[in-house]
Amino acid sequence: MKRLAILGTVFTLLMFGAAPATVAGVGGGPPPDYFVDEAALEFAALPGATAYWGVHSGAGYRIEVPDNWNGDLVMWAHGFRGTGLELTVDNHPLREFLIPSGYAWAASSYSRNDYDVAVGVQDTHALAKRFGGIVANPDNVYITGASMGGHITAVSIEQHAKTYEGAMAICGAIGDYELFDYFLDFNAAAQQLGTGASTFPVDAPTYIGSTVPAIKAGLEAFPAAWPFALNSDGENLKSLTELRSGGERPNFDEGWLFWNSIPATTGAGNFLFELGLGDGSLPRAPGVGVDNSDTVYQFDTNPALTPGEQALNDDVVRVSADPSARHPNGLAQVPVISGDIEVPVLTLHNLGDLFVPIHNEVVYGERVAAAGKSDLLVQRAIRGVGHCDFTANELVTAFVDLVGWVEFGVKPAGDNFADPVAVADPNFGCAFTNGAHLLGTPCP
């Protein structure tokens, strides 16, 4: 267990089709015929443990219980699986720590794929309840999840507050719709700055085949220099992206180069552009769910708009979410996270992640503070540009700290995402980074 990349590498994410997370819609007709290959659920238990697997309420599941079970259960909420029909289950990424330490774990496939947080919340909760009938009622139930699973984790503890004693959301989409608005922001601003015009929605073949090359040509310092050498408009897009993704911070420069040059399904360097290919609809949500109608785009932290900033804000395409597309509460559509938490929550996030950026941590922290619950939240920054790129030591330390907080009331230390000055400090993220990460900036 030298290193855990919870959802695999970003290239695995691409194979599962990351872009459709932002564009899938309800469509018409009957629901897809999702299925579970029950033979694929079987797995070998670690020494000194018993494995269980099966199907419950249309979702596959795995459970592993150590012989010296301490009575606690750790749920695992997996991330986005694309839009395929087969439903699959992950082992908990911390099972090699959990089982020897006496913890049982359980994970659901969910009963449908796509970016369907509501179903993930419901099926994870149903499995937590089903655990009692298979094994025994647990003393404490923790919920952990990554990426979309982080969104599921944050919603779960608000919708089922009496089920879970603590939560660990890692690389989570815990800003809910703010994540999808960020995808829109990058693509709309890139169009406007790179070509002098912007539209929404885009025609996917035309966008990838003609518009994106024109954007890159319009923003690079010389031919084929994107994203490494930029002209003034390119530098403005880079600065805008930094501010919209979470603010000035260590590891952003490396993240900018990585996420704008890695292989994508439509060609190298198109990953962030692919996130803007859809019509803005989301699973089970009628109409457009993204919005930049009141976004103020800036290239620096001075709130006064420069002529260039004013021109961008005047000319960029504006999109307003349909009123029926965003429900402020409940499990309809893509659930909004209120921040009104009742149990300890610990989060981890990579500073250079531009797929699910740290803006999610900023938004979540603001919502928790607005609910008067900041005493129940600890957030930690980890150096690195990957999505869900954490070492085993970082994850184990975070989980152990969460358990100590729940059981003994000892609140662990964290980072301050609410203070832009702290986030911009060259040392930000050093306190809890423990091990090597993809393009992680060395600490001073």
Foldseek 3Di string as FASTA:
>chain_A
DFFDLPQPFVVVVQVLPVQQLQFDEADDDDDDQAAEPQVQQDDDADPQKDKDWDDDPQKTKIKIFGVQAPQEEEEEQEAARHQDRYQDWDDPPLCVVQRVVRYMYMYISFNGGHLQLLSSLVVSVVVLVCVCVVPRNGPAYEYEYEASSLLSQLQNCVVPVVRHFEYEYELYLLQFQLLLQLLVVLQLLLQCLQPVAGDPPDAQCCCLVPRVVSSQCSFAPDPPCPPPHGDPSSLLSLLQSQVSQQAAAPQQVVLRRDCQAPAHPSGGRCNSVSNRNHRQAHYQFPWHSYFCQPPQGGNDDPPDHDPVSVVSVVHGDGDDTDPRRADQADSGTRGHRQLLGDHAYEYEHECSASSSGCVSVQSSCVSVVVNVNNVRYAYAYAFENTRSTAGSVLVVVRVVQRVCCSPPVDHDHHADSNDNVRRNDQQGNVVRYDDDYHSGDDGD
